[in-house]
């Protein structure tokens, strides 16, 4: 998974460098994340945001975000992809998607361990 994910990330970076089409980079990044069962849409509705908020609260189980510091470190290229898609989402003023990606990053960290790119996502 690591090599394939890194190839996807470089593909998005190279394509975006050539075209500067950040909206397309966000769409491509979400498609790739969906290949890894992230279930992300590029235009989140209020119902989708409420569903993701509930999922985050269920994952945290009444703990605060500071519980992340106790999790094991783990190199995971998914965090790299999330951070890139989130950056492009912010550049295209898609702040709802950027917030959802941060929540997804927290859930991913709790399930798979913390990556050094997690603070960028938060």
Protein backbone atom coordinates (compact mmCIF):
# COMPACT_ATOMS: atom_id res chain seq x y z
CA UNK A 1 0.00 0.00 0.00
CA UNK A 2 2.79 2.46 0.82
CA UNK A 3 4.39 2.48 -2.63
CA UNK A 4 1.07 2.69 -4.39
CA UNK A 5 -0.11 5.53 -2.14
CA UNK A 6 3.11 7.47 -2.64
CA UNK A 7 2.73 7.05 -6.41
CA UNK A 8 -0.79 8.48 -6.18
CA UNK A 9 0.50 11.45 -4.17
CA UNK A 10 3.25 12.21 -6.68
CA UNK A 11 0.74 11.91 -9.51
CA UNK A 12 -1.48 14.56 -7.92
CA UNK A 13 1.48 16.83 -7.15
CA UNK A 14 2.88 16.61 -10.68
CA UNK A 15 -0.50 17.13 -12.32
CA UNK A 16 -1.22 20.11 -10.10
CA UNK A 17 2.20 21.64 -10.82
CA UNK A 18 1.49 21.41 -14.54
CA UNK A 19 -2.06 22.71 -14.57
CA UNK A 20 -2.49 24.63 -11.27
CA UNK A 21 -6.03 23.27 -11.22
CA UNK A 22 -6.50 22.85 -7.48
CA UNK A 23 -10.18 21.90 -7.79
CA UNK A 24 -9.20 18.94 -9.97
CA UNK A 25 -6.47 18.01 -7.49
CA UNK A 26 -9.07 17.96 -4.70
CA UNK A 27 -11.38 15.77 -6.79
CA UNK A 28 -8.56 13.39 -7.72
CA UNK A 29 -7.38 13.21 -4.12
CA UNK A 30 -10.87 12.41 -2.86
CA UNK A 31 -11.21 9.69 -5.49
CA UNK A 32 -7.95 8.14 -4.31
CA UNK A 33 -8.97 8.38 -0.65
CA UNK A 34 -12.25 6.69 -1.56
CA UNK A 35 -10.24 3.79 -2.97
CA UNK A 36 -9.06 3.31 0.63
CA UNK A 37 -12.61 3.37 2.06
CA UNK A 38 -12.62 6.99 3.24
CA UNK A 39 -16.08 7.82 1.80
CA UNK A 40 -15.31 11.50 1.09
CA UNK A 41 -17.33 13.79 -1.13
CA UNK A 42 -15.94 17.05 -2.52
CA UNK A 43 -19.13 18.97 -1.66
CA UNK A 44 -20.15 17.96 1.87
CA UNK A 45 -23.77 18.60 2.80
CA UNK A 46 -25.00 19.48 6.29
CA UNK A 47 -26.20 15.90 6.78
CA UNK A 48 -22.80 14.52 5.72
CA UNK A 49 -21.01 16.88 8.13
CA UNK A 50 -23.32 15.83 10.98
CA UNK A 51 -22.68 12.15 10.17
CA UNK A 52 -18.90 12.65 10.18
CA UNK A 53 -19.07 14.65 13.41
CA UNK A 54 -20.96 11.78 15.04
CA UNK A 55 -18.42 9.26 13.74
CA UNK A 56 -15.58 11.36 15.20
CA UNK A 57 -17.31 11.63 18.58
CA UNK A 58 -17.93 7.88 18.61
CA UNK A 59 -14.28 7.20 17.77
CA UNK A 60 -13.02 9.57 20.47
CA UNK A 61 -15.42 8.04 23.06
CA UNK A 62 -15.56 11.17 25.26
CA UNK A 63 -11.78 11.59 25.14
CA UNK A 64 -10.15 14.85 24.09
CA UNK A 65 -7.88 15.35 21.10
CA UNK A 66 -4.92 15.21 23.49
CA UNK A 67 -5.37 11.41 23.59
CA UNK A 68 -3.53 11.37 20.25
CA UNK A 69 -0.22 11.99 22.01
CA UNK A 70 -0.42 8.55 23.62
CA UNK A 71 -0.85 6.70 20.33
CA UNK A 72 2.08 4.89 18.68
CA UNK A 73 3.98 6.53 15.82
CA UNK A 74 3.42 4.85 12.48
CA UNK A 75 4.53 5.91 8.99
CA UNK A 76 1.39 6.06 6.88
CA UNK A 77 1.29 7.77 3.46
CA UNK A 78 -2.46 8.26 3.86
CA UNK A 79 -1.67 11.22 6.12
CA UNK A 80 0.48 12.72 3.37
CA UNK A 81 -2.36 12.45 0.88
CA UNK A 82 -4.88 13.83 3.38
CA UNK A 83 -2.63 16.82 4.10
CA UNK A 84 -2.18 17.59 0.38
CA UNK A 85 -5.88 17.30 -0.43
CA UNK A 86 -6.70 19.40 2.62
CA UNK A 87 -4.23 22.09 1.54
CA UNK A 88 -5.76 22.27 -1.92
CA UNK A 89 -9.27 22.28 -0.42
CA UNK A 90 -8.31 25.33 1.65
CA UNK A 91 -6.81 27.05 -1.40
CA UNK A 92 -10.12 26.55 -3.23
CA UNK A 93 -12.08 27.82 -0.19
CA UNK A 94 -13.68 24.42 0.44
CA UNK A 95 -13.39 24.77 4.21
CA UNK A 96 -16.10 22.21 4.94
CA UNK A 97 -14.07 19.55 3.13
CA UNK A 98 -10.89 20.66 4.92
CA UNK A 99 -12.65 20.20 8.27
CA UNK A 100 -13.94 16.75 7.25
CA UNK A 101 -10.41 15.73 6.20
CA UNK A 102 -9.07 16.79 9.61
CA UNK A 103 -11.72 14.67 11.31
CA UNK A 104 -10.92 11.73 9.03
CA UNK A 105 -7.24 12.17 9.88
CA UNK A 106 -8.00 11.98 13.60
CA UNK A 107 -10.08 8.83 13.11
CA UNK A 108 -7.32 7.29 10.96
CA UNK A 109 -4.71 8.09 13.63
CA UNK A 110 -6.76 6.44 16.35
CA UNK A 111 -7.19 3.30 14.23
CA UNK A 112 -3.71 3.06 12.66
CA UNK A 113 -1.34 5.19 14.75
CA UNK A 114 -0.01 8.72 14.48
CA UNK A 115 2.07 9.89 11.53
CA UNK A 116 4.41 12.89 11.59
CA UNK A 117 2.06 14.69 9.19
CA UNK A 118 -0.91 14.58 11.55
CA UNK A 119 -0.17 18.02 13.10
CA UNK A 120 -0.31 19.54 9.60
CA UNK A 121 -3.78 18.09 9.13
CA UNK A 122 -5.08 19.38 12.46
